[in-house]
Amino acid sequence: MNIKITSRHFKANDTLKARAITSVENLEKYFDGIIKAEVIFSFDKTRDSDKTAEIVLKLHAHVLRSAETSDDFVKSLEVALKKMEKQLLHAKSKFREKNKKILRKVKLQE
């Protein structure tokens, strides 16, 4: 899996980048078909110093996105990861269901 970290309007420190990389790598235990991952941290001073973490995952046929805004990057990242876990489990179940339908068609044709 290719992981890209982007920080907008600030420079992310190494501990935040390392935490994001390990967290995104842990998402592979939910679905192993992740091709590319991008984590975007953005800082907005105009609205009470909102800190946003966004995760974009590229699968074989889908693009999944989750974002969260809070007063801390770590909190935002953790909540966005929880949302992404749910999306990955849903995508995995749909993928399995689709494959089962294809297998049933093949078995009926034999």
N, C-alpha and C. Protein backbone atom coordinates (compact mmCIF):
# COMPACT_ATOMS: atom_id res chain seq x y z
N MET A 1 0.85 -1.17 0.00
CA MET A 1 0.00 0.00 0.00
C MET A 1 0.89 1.23 0.00
N ASN A 2 0.54 2.19 -0.82
CA ASN A 2 1.26 3.45 -0.92
C ASN A 2 0.55 4.47 -0.02
N ILE A 3 1.27 5.07 0.92
CA ILE A 3 0.69 6.03 1.86
C ILE A 3 1.31 7.40 1.64
N LYS A 4 0.44 8.41 1.51
CA LYS A 4 0.90 9.78 1.31
C LYS A 4 0.32 10.64 2.43
N ILE A 5 1.17 11.45 3.06
CA ILE A 5 0.76 12.35 4.13
C ILE A 5 0.88 13.78 3.62
N THR A 6 -0.19 14.56 3.77
CA THR A 6 -0.21 15.95 3.34
C THR A 6 -0.65 16.82 4.51
N SER A 7 0.02 17.95 4.70
CA SER A 7 -0.41 18.90 5.73
C SER A 7 -0.65 20.25 5.07
N ARG A 8 -1.81 20.80 5.33
CA ARG A 8 -2.19 22.08 4.72
C ARG A 8 -2.16 23.18 5.78
N HIS A 9 -1.54 24.29 5.44
CA HIS A 9 -1.48 25.49 6.27
C HIS A 9 -0.64 25.32 7.54
N PHE A 10 0.16 24.28 7.62
CA PHE A 10 1.08 24.09 8.73
C PHE A 10 2.06 22.98 8.35
N LYS A 11 3.07 22.79 9.17
CA LYS A 11 4.03 21.71 8.94
C LYS A 11 3.83 20.65 10.02
N ALA A 12 3.45 19.45 9.60
CA ALA A 12 3.19 18.36 10.54
C ALA A 12 4.50 17.83 11.11
N ASN A 13 4.49 17.54 12.42
CA ASN A 13 5.69 16.99 13.03
C ASN A 13 5.81 15.50 12.73
N ASP A 14 6.97 14.96 13.01
CA ASP A 14 7.25 13.56 12.67
C ASP A 14 6.40 12.57 13.46
N THR A 15 6.08 12.90 14.71
CA THR A 15 5.27 11.96 15.51
C THR A 15 3.86 11.85 14.96
N LEU A 16 3.30 12.96 14.50
CA LEU A 16 1.96 12.93 13.90
C LEU A 16 1.97 12.13 12.60
N LYS A 17 3.01 12.32 11.79
CA LYS A 17 3.12 11.56 10.54
C LYS A 17 3.28 10.06 10.82
N ALA A 18 4.12 9.73 11.80
CA ALA A 18 4.34 8.32 12.12
C ALA A 18 3.07 7.68 12.65
N ARG A 19 2.33 8.41 13.48
CA ARG A 19 1.06 7.88 14.00
C ARG A 19 0.06 7.65 12.87
N ALA A 20 0.00 8.58 11.93
CA ALA A 20 -0.92 8.43 10.79
C ALA A 20 -0.53 7.22 9.95
N ILE A 21 0.74 7.03 9.70
CA ILE A 21 1.19 5.90 8.88
C ILE A 21 0.86 4.57 9.54
N THR A 22 1.17 4.43 10.83
CA THR A 22 0.88 3.17 11.51
C THR A 22 -0.62 2.92 11.60
N SER A 23 -1.40 3.97 11.80
CA SER A 23 -2.86 3.81 11.89
C SER A 23 -3.44 3.35 10.56
N VAL A 24 -2.97 3.94 9.48
CA VAL A 24 -3.48 3.57 8.16
C VAL A 24 -3.01 2.16 7.79
N GLU A 25 -1.80 1.80 8.16
CA GLU A 25 -1.32 0.43 7.90
C GLU A 25 -2.17 -0.60 8.64
N ASN A 26 -2.68 -0.24 9.82
CA ASN A 26 -3.53 -1.14 10.58
C ASN A 26 -4.89 -1.36 9.91
N LEU A 27 -5.28 -0.50 8.99
CA LEU A 27 -6.56 -0.67 8.29
C LEU A 27 -6.53 -1.89 7.37
N GLU A 28 -5.33 -2.37 7.03
CA GLU A 28 -5.23 -3.54 6.15
C GLU A 28 -5.77 -4.80 6.79
N LYS A 29 -5.90 -4.82 8.10
CA LYS A 29 -6.46 -6.01 8.74
C LYS A 29 -7.97 -6.10 8.51
N TYR A 30 -8.61 -5.00 8.12
CA TYR A 30 -10.04 -5.02 7.81
C TYR A 30 -10.29 -5.37 6.34
N PHE A 31 -9.41 -4.91 5.46
CA PHE A 31 -9.57 -5.18 4.02
C PHE A 31 -8.19 -5.09 3.39
N ASP A 32 -7.76 -6.15 2.74
CA ASP A 32 -6.40 -6.17 2.19
C ASP A 32 -6.31 -5.68 0.76
N GLY A 33 -7.39 -5.18 0.20
CA GLY A 33 -7.38 -4.69 -1.17
C GLY A 33 -7.13 -3.21 -1.29
N ILE A 34 -6.49 -2.61 -0.31
CA ILE A 34 -6.21 -1.17 -0.36
C ILE A 34 -4.98 -0.94 -1.24
N ILE A 35 -5.15 -0.12 -2.25
CA ILE A 35 -4.05 0.17 -3.18
C ILE A 35 -3.25 1.38 -2.73
N LYS A 36 -3.97 2.46 -2.41
CA LYS A 36 -3.32 3.72 -2.09
C LYS A 36 -4.07 4.40 -0.96
N ALA A 37 -3.35 5.06 -0.07
CA ALA A 37 -3.96 5.79 1.04
C ALA A 37 -3.37 7.19 1.10
N GLU A 38 -4.23 8.15 1.41
CA GLU A 38 -3.77 9.52 1.57
C GLU A 38 -4.38 10.08 2.85
N VAL A 39 -3.54 10.65 3.69
CA VAL A 39 -3.99 11.29 4.92
C VAL A 39 -3.70 12.78 4.79
N ILE A 40 -4.74 13.59 4.96
CA ILE A 40 -4.61 15.04 4.79
C ILE A 40 -4.95 15.70 6.12
N PHE A 41 -3.99 16.43 6.65
CA PHE A 41 -4.21 17.22 7.86
C PHE A 41 -4.32 18.68 7.43
N SER A 42 -5.37 19.36 7.90
CA SER A 42 -5.50 20.78 7.58
C SER A 42 -5.82 21.57 8.84
N PHE A 43 -5.33 22.79 8.86
CA PHE A 43 -5.46 23.66 10.02
C PHE A 43 -6.13 24.94 9.55
N ASP A 44 -7.21 25.33 10.23
CA ASP A 44 -7.95 26.53 9.84
C ASP A 44 -8.00 27.47 11.04
N LYS A 45 -7.24 28.56 10.96
CA LYS A 45 -7.16 29.50 12.07
C LYS A 45 -8.42 30.37 12.19
N THR A 46 -9.10 30.57 11.10
CA THR A 46 -10.22 31.51 11.12
C THR A 46 -11.42 30.99 11.90
N ARG A 47 -11.56 29.68 12.04
CA ARG A 47 -12.71 29.12 12.74
C ARG A 47 -12.26 28.43 14.03
N ASP A 48 -11.88 29.18 15.01
CA ASP A 48 -11.52 28.65 16.33
C ASP A 48 -10.45 27.57 16.28
N SER A 49 -9.50 27.70 15.39
CA SER A 49 -8.37 26.77 15.26
C SER A 49 -8.84 25.33 15.06
N ASP A 50 -9.71 25.13 14.10
CA ASP A 50 -10.19 23.79 13.77
C ASP A 50 -9.08 22.99 13.12
N LYS A 51 -8.96 21.73 13.55
CA LYS A 51 -7.97 20.82 13.00
C LYS A 51 -8.71 19.64 12.38
N THR A 52 -8.47 19.42 11.09
CA THR A 52 -9.19 18.40 10.35
C THR A 52 -8.23 17.31 9.89
N ALA A 53 -8.69 16.07 10.04
CA ALA A 53 -7.96 14.92 9.50
C ALA A 53 -8.87 14.23 8.50
N GLU A 54 -8.36 14.00 7.30
CA GLU A 54 -9.12 13.37 6.24
C GLU A 54 -8.34 12.16 5.73
N ILE A 55 -9.05 11.05 5.54
CA ILE A 55 -8.41 9.83 5.04
C ILE A 55 -9.11 9.44 3.75
N VAL A 56 -8.32 9.24 2.71
CA VAL A 56 -8.85 8.82 1.41
C VAL A 56 -8.17 7.51 1.05
N LEU A 57 -8.96 6.47 0.81
CA LEU A 57 -8.43 5.16 0.44
C LEU A 57 -8.89 4.81 -0.96
N LYS A 58 -7.97 4.33 -1.77
CA LYS A 58 -8.28 3.86 -3.12
C LYS A 58 -8.28 2.35 -3.09
N LEU A 59 -9.44 1.75 -3.36
CA LEU A 59 -9.56 0.30 -3.47
C LEU A 59 -9.57 -0.06 -4.94
N HIS A 60 -9.82 -1.31 -5.26
CA HIS A 60 -9.80 -1.74 -6.66
C HIS A 60 -10.86 -1.01 -7.48
N ALA A 61 -12.07 -0.89 -6.96
CA ALA A 61 -13.14 -0.28 -7.74
C ALA A 61 -13.79 0.90 -7.02
N HIS A 62 -13.31 1.25 -5.85
CA HIS A 62 -13.95 2.29 -5.06
C HIS A 62 -12.92 3.25 -4.49
N VAL A 63 -13.42 4.43 -4.12
CA VAL A 63 -12.64 5.39 -3.36
C VAL A 63 -13.44 5.70 -2.11
N LEU A 64 -12.83 5.46 -0.93
CA LEU A 64 -13.50 5.71 0.33
C LEU A 64 -12.88 6.94 0.98
N ARG A 65 -13.73 7.76 1.61
CA ARG A 65 -13.26 9.00 2.20
C ARG A 65 -13.93 9.20 3.56
N SER A 66 -13.14 9.58 4.55
CA SER A 66 -13.70 9.96 5.84
C SER A 66 -12.92 11.16 6.36
N ALA A 67 -13.63 12.07 7.01
CA ALA A 67 -13.00 13.28 7.54
C ALA A 67 -13.63 13.62 8.87
N GLU A 68 -12.85 14.26 9.71
CA GLU A 68 -13.34 14.67 11.02
C GLU A 68 -12.61 15.94 11.45
N THR A 69 -13.33 16.83 12.12
CA THR A 69 -12.77 18.08 12.61
C THR A 69 -12.94 18.15 14.12
N SER A 70 -11.87 18.53 14.81
CA SER A 70 -11.94 18.72 16.25
C SER A 70 -10.85 19.73 16.65
N ASP A 71 -10.58 19.80 17.95
CA ASP A 71 -9.58 20.75 18.43
C ASP A 71 -8.18 20.15 18.50
N ASP A 72 -8.03 18.87 18.12
CA ASP A 72 -6.74 18.19 18.17
C ASP A 72 -6.61 17.25 16.97
N PHE A 73 -5.42 17.19 16.38
CA PHE A 73 -5.22 16.32 15.22
C PHE A 73 -5.35 14.85 15.56
N VAL A 74 -4.89 14.45 16.74
CA VAL A 74 -4.94 13.04 17.12
C VAL A 74 -6.39 12.60 17.28
N LYS A 75 -7.21 13.43 17.93
CA LYS A 75 -8.64 13.12 18.07
C LYS A 75 -9.31 13.00 16.70
N SER A 76 -9.02 13.95 15.84
CA SER A 76 -9.60 13.95 14.50
C SER A 76 -9.20 12.70 13.74
N LEU A 77 -7.94 12.31 13.85
CA LEU A 77 -7.44 11.13 13.15
C LEU A 77 -8.12 9.87 13.67
N GLU A 78 -8.25 9.75 14.98
CA GLU A 78 -8.86 8.54 15.56
C GLU A 78 -10.32 8.38 15.15
N VAL A 79 -11.08 9.47 15.16
CA VAL A 79 -12.49 9.39 14.78
C VAL A 79 -12.62 9.09 13.29
N ALA A 80 -11.77 9.71 12.47
CA ALA A 80 -11.78 9.43 11.04
C ALA A 80 -11.42 7.97 10.76
N LEU A 81 -10.52 7.41 11.55
CA LEU A 81 -10.15 6.00 11.40
C LEU A 81 -11.32 5.08 11.75
N LYS A 82 -12.06 5.42 12.80
CA LYS A 82 -13.24 4.61 13.17
C LYS A 82 -14.27 4.62 12.05
N LYS A 83 -14.48 5.80 11.46
CA LYS A 83 -15.41 5.89 10.33
C LYS A 83 -14.93 5.06 9.15
N MET A 84 -13.63 5.10 8.91
CA MET A 84 -13.07 4.36 7.78
C MET A 84 -13.16 2.85 8.00
N GLU A 85 -13.00 2.41 9.24
CA GLU A 85 -13.15 0.98 9.54
C GLU A 85 -14.54 0.49 9.16
N LYS A 86 -15.56 1.26 9.51
CA LYS A 86 -16.93 0.89 9.17
C LYS A 86 -17.12 0.84 7.65
N GLN A 87 -16.57 1.82 6.96
CA GLN A 87 -16.70 1.84 5.50
C GLN A 87 -15.98 0.66 4.87
N LEU A 88 -14.81 0.30 5.39
CA LEU A 88 -14.06 -0.83 4.84
C LEU A 88 -14.80 -2.15 5.06
N LEU A 89 -15.37 -2.33 6.24
CA LEU A 89 -16.12 -3.56 6.51
C LEU A 89 -17.34 -3.66 5.60
N HIS A 90 -17.99 -2.53 5.35
CA HIS A 90 -19.14 -2.53 4.44
C HIS A 90 -18.71 -2.85 3.01
N ALA A 91 -17.61 -2.25 2.57
CA ALA A 91 -17.11 -2.51 1.21
C ALA A 91 -16.69 -3.97 1.07
N LYS A 92 -16.08 -4.52 2.11
CA LYS A 92 -15.64 -5.91 2.07
C LYS A 92 -16.84 -6.85 1.96
N SER A 93 -17.90 -6.58 2.71
CA SER A 93 -19.09 -7.44 2.64
C SER A 93 -19.76 -7.34 1.28
N LYS A 94 -19.80 -6.14 0.69
CA LYS A 94 -20.38 -6.00 -0.65
C LYS A 94 -19.53 -6.73 -1.68
N PHE A 95 -18.22 -6.66 -1.54
CA PHE A 95 -17.32 -7.33 -2.46
C PHE A 95 -17.50 -8.84 -2.39
N ARG A 96 -17.60 -9.36 -1.16
CA ARG A 96 -17.80 -10.80 -0.98
C ARG A 96 -19.15 -11.24 -1.54
N GLU A 97 -20.19 -10.44 -1.32
CA GLU A 97 -21.52 -10.77 -1.81
C GLU A 97 -21.52 -10.84 -3.34
N LYS A 98 -20.85 -9.90 -3.96
CA LYS A 98 -20.77 -9.87 -5.42
C LYS A 98 -20.04 -11.11 -5.94
N ASN A 99 -18.95 -11.49 -5.28
CA ASN A 99 -18.20 -12.67 -5.71
C ASN A 99 -19.01 -13.94 -5.52
N LYS A 100 -19.81 -14.02 -4.47
CA LYS A 100 -20.65 -15.20 -4.26
C LYS A 100 -21.68 -15.34 -5.36
N LYS A 101 -22.24 -14.22 -5.81
CA LYS A 101 -23.23 -14.27 -6.90
C LYS A 101 -22.58 -14.76 -8.19
N ILE A 102 -21.37 -14.32 -8.44
CA ILE A 102 -20.66 -14.76 -9.64
C ILE A 102 -20.36 -16.26 -9.56
N LEU A 103 -19.93 -16.72 -8.39
CA LEU A 103 -19.65 -18.15 -8.22
C LEU A 103 -20.91 -18.99 -8.39
N ARG A 104 -22.04 -18.49 -7.90
CA ARG A 104 -23.30 -19.24 -8.05
C ARG A 104 -23.67 -19.36 -9.53
N LYS A 105 -23.47 -18.31 -10.32
CA LYS A 105 -23.77 -18.36 -11.75
C LYS A 105 -22.90 -19.41 -12.44
N VAL A 106 -21.64 -19.44 -12.07
CA VAL A 106 -20.70 -20.39 -12.69
C VAL A 106 -21.11 -21.82 -12.33
N LYS A 107 -21.49 -22.05 -11.08
CA LYS A 107 -21.89 -23.40 -10.65
C LYS A 107 -23.17 -23.83 -11.35
N LEU A 108 -24.09 -22.91 -11.58
CA LEU A 108 -25.34 -23.27 -12.26
C LEU A 108 -25.10 -23.59 -13.72
N GLN A 109 -24.14 -22.97 -14.34
CA GLN A 109 -23.85 -23.20 -15.76
C GLN A 109 -23.17 -24.54 -15.96
N GLU A 110 -22.50 -25.05 -14.94
CA GLU A 110 -21.78 -26.33 -15.09
C GLU A 110 -22.73 -27.43 -15.07
